[in-house]
C-alpha atoms as a PDB file:
ATOM      1  CA  MET A   1     -15.739  -6.874  -5.530  1.00  0.00           C
ATOM      2  CA  SER A   2     -18.542  -4.591  -4.469  1.00  0.00           C
ATOM      3  CA  HIS A   3     -20.471  -2.486  -6.929  1.00  0.00           C
ATOM      4  CA  ASP A   4     -18.733   0.699  -5.716  1.00  0.00           C
ATOM      5  CA  GLU A   5     -15.211  -0.715  -6.050  1.00  0.00           C
ATOM      6  CA  LYS A   6     -15.338  -1.001  -9.822  1.00  0.00           C
ATOM      7  CA  PHE A   7     -15.931   2.747 -10.048  1.00  0.00           C
ATOM      8  CA  LYS A   8     -12.829   3.726  -8.072  1.00  0.00           C
ATOM      9  CA  SER A   9     -10.023   5.529  -9.881  1.00  0.00           C
ATOM     10  CA  GLY A  10      -6.689   3.764 -10.177  1.00  0.00           C
ATOM     11  CA  ASP A  11      -5.265   5.718  -7.243  1.00  0.00           C
ATOM     12  CA  GLU A  12      -8.326   5.090  -5.105  1.00  0.00           C
ATOM     13  CA  ARG A  13      -8.035   1.392  -5.845  1.00  0.00           C
ATOM     14  CA  LEU A  14      -4.347   1.327  -4.838  1.00  0.00           C
ATOM     15  CA  VAL A  15      -5.126   3.149  -1.591  1.00  0.00           C
ATOM     16  CA  TYR A  16      -7.991   0.746  -0.919  1.00  0.00           C
ATOM     17  CA  MET A  17      -5.792  -2.286  -1.562  1.00  0.00           C
ATOM     18  CA  ALA A  18      -2.923  -0.977   0.594  1.00  0.00           C
ATOM     19  CA  ASN A  19      -5.361  -0.249   3.418  1.00  0.00           C
ATOM     20  CA  GLN A  20      -6.813  -3.761   3.149  1.00  0.00           C
ATOM     21  CA  ILE A  21      -3.302  -5.172   3.599  1.00  0.00           C
ATOM     22  CA  ALA A  22      -2.799  -2.902   6.608  1.00  0.00           C
ATOM     23  CA  THR A  23      -6.111  -4.073   8.081  1.00  0.00           C
ATOM     24  CA  PHE A  24      -4.947  -7.685   7.840  1.00  0.00           C
ATOM     25  CA  PHE A  25      -1.578  -6.975   9.449  1.00  0.00           C
ATOM     26  CA  ALA A  26      -3.106  -4.809  12.192  1.00  0.00           C
ATOM     27  CA  SER A  27      -3.948  -8.044  14.009  1.00  0.00           C
ATOM     28  CA  GLN A  28      -0.294  -9.152  13.979  1.00  0.00           C
ATOM     29  CA  ALA A  29       2.241  -8.468  16.698  1.00  0.00           C
ATOM     30  CA  LYS A  30       3.354  -4.825  16.697  1.00  0.00           C
ATOM     31  CA  GLU A  31       6.873  -5.578  15.468  1.00  0.00           C
ATOM     32  CA  GLU A  32       5.503  -7.606  12.525  1.00  0.00           C
ATOM     33  CA  ARG A  33       2.960  -5.089  11.217  1.00  0.00           C
ATOM     34  CA  VAL A  34       5.152  -2.693   9.254  1.00  0.00           C
ATOM     35  CA  ALA A  35       7.457  -5.425   7.971  1.00  0.00           C
ATOM     36  CA  GLY A  36       4.491  -7.556   6.915  1.00  0.00           C
ATOM     37  CA  ILE A  37       2.827  -4.748   4.979  1.00  0.00           C
ATOM     38  CA  ALA A  38       6.010  -3.779   3.138  1.00  0.00           C
ATOM     39  CA  ASP A  39       6.935  -7.402   2.476  1.00  0.00           C
ATOM     40  CA  HIS A  40       3.516  -8.170   0.993  1.00  0.00           C
ATOM     41  CA  ILE A  41       3.539  -5.108  -1.260  1.00  0.00           C
ATOM     42  CA  ASN A  42       7.148  -5.722  -2.331  1.00  0.00           C
ATOM     43  CA  LYS A  43       6.465  -9.373  -3.193  1.00  0.00           C
ATOM     44  CA  PHE A  44       3.037  -9.225  -4.776  1.00  0.00           C
ATOM     45  CA  TRP A  45       2.529  -5.781  -6.312  1.00  0.00           C
ATOM     46  CA  GLU A  46       3.818  -5.211  -9.811  1.00  0.00           C
ATOM     47  CA  PRO A  47       6.395  -2.418 -10.251  1.00  0.00           C
ATOM     48  CA  ARG A  48       3.904   0.100 -11.684  1.00  0.00           C
ATOM     49  CA  MET A  49       1.644  -0.344  -8.679  1.00  0.00           C
ATOM     50  CA  ARG A  50       4.514   0.116  -6.222  1.00  0.00           C
ATOM     51  CA  SER A  51       5.791   3.168  -8.099  1.00  0.00           C
ATOM     52  CA  ARG A  52       2.392   4.817  -8.017  1.00  0.00           C
ATOM     53  CA  LEU A  53       1.890   3.971  -4.325  1.00  0.00           C
ATOM     54  CA  VAL A  54       5.235   5.593  -3.496  1.00  0.00           C
ATOM     55  CA  GLU A  55       4.188   8.675  -5.483  1.00  0.00           C
ATOM     56  CA  ILE A  56       0.889   8.842  -3.568  1.00  0.00           C
ATOM     57  CA  ILE A  57       2.837   8.627  -0.303  1.00  0.00           C
ATOM     58  CA  GLU A  58       5.235  11.366  -1.441  1.00  0.00           C
ATOM     59  CA  GLN A  59       2.224  13.574  -2.280  1.00  0.00           C
ATOM     60  CA  GLY A  60       0.964  13.291   1.297  1.00  0.00           C
ATOM     61  CA  GLY A  61      -0.573   9.825   1.385  1.00  0.00           C
ATOM     62  CA  ASP A  62      -4.185  11.016   1.425  1.00  0.00           C
ATOM     63  CA  GLY A  63      -6.494   8.222   2.502  1.00  0.00           C
ATOM     64  CA  LEU A  64      -3.740   5.779   3.446  1.00  0.00           C
ATOM     65  CA  SER A  65      -3.772   3.986   6.765  1.00  0.00           C
ATOM     66  CA  PRO A  66      -1.132   5.144   9.268  1.00  0.00           C
ATOM     67  CA  LEU A  67       0.265   1.599   9.120  1.00  0.00           C
ATOM     68  CA  VAL A  68       0.844   1.896   5.355  1.00  0.00           C
ATOM     69  CA  LEU A  69       2.569   5.225   5.931  1.00  0.00           C
ATOM     70  CA  ASP A  70       4.728   3.610   8.633  1.00  0.00           C
ATOM     71  CA  ALA A  71       5.709   0.899   6.138  1.00  0.00           C
ATOM     72  CA  SER A  72       6.429   3.364   3.340  1.00  0.00           C
ATOM     73  CA  GLY A  73      10.141   3.581   4.125  1.00  0.00           C
ATOM     74  CA  THR A  74      10.586  -0.099   3.352  1.00  0.00           C
ATOM     75  CA  ILE A  75       8.369  -0.356   0.272  1.00  0.00           C
ATOM     76  CA  ASN A  76      10.725  -0.785  -2.657  1.00  0.00           C
ATOM     77  CA  ARG A  77      10.385   1.737  -5.444  1.00  0.00           C
ATOM     78  CA  PRO A  78      11.160   0.001  -8.737  1.00  0.00           C
ATOM     79  CA  LYS A  79      14.182   1.246 -10.637  1.00  0.00           C
ATOM     80  CA  ALA A  80      13.493   3.192 -13.810  1.00  0.00           C
ATOM     81  CA  ALA A  81      13.927   1.165 -16.989  1.00  0.00           C
END
């Protein structure tokens, strides 16, 4: 983690992490990109993280990679407890 990363807000950190995932999948075949991003987030992000990411997307997705926005329709929003 770089020095600057530890000073990011929670939302900035989520956007950063989602964009890092998108950067990895950008090298995949076109048809695998969106599915790969959503699959990774759905499998490895805890429900609070996914909920907040969906909220960020619903608020306009500022700072998110276009690939993350493309995957947003298949990112599972956790059910309310």
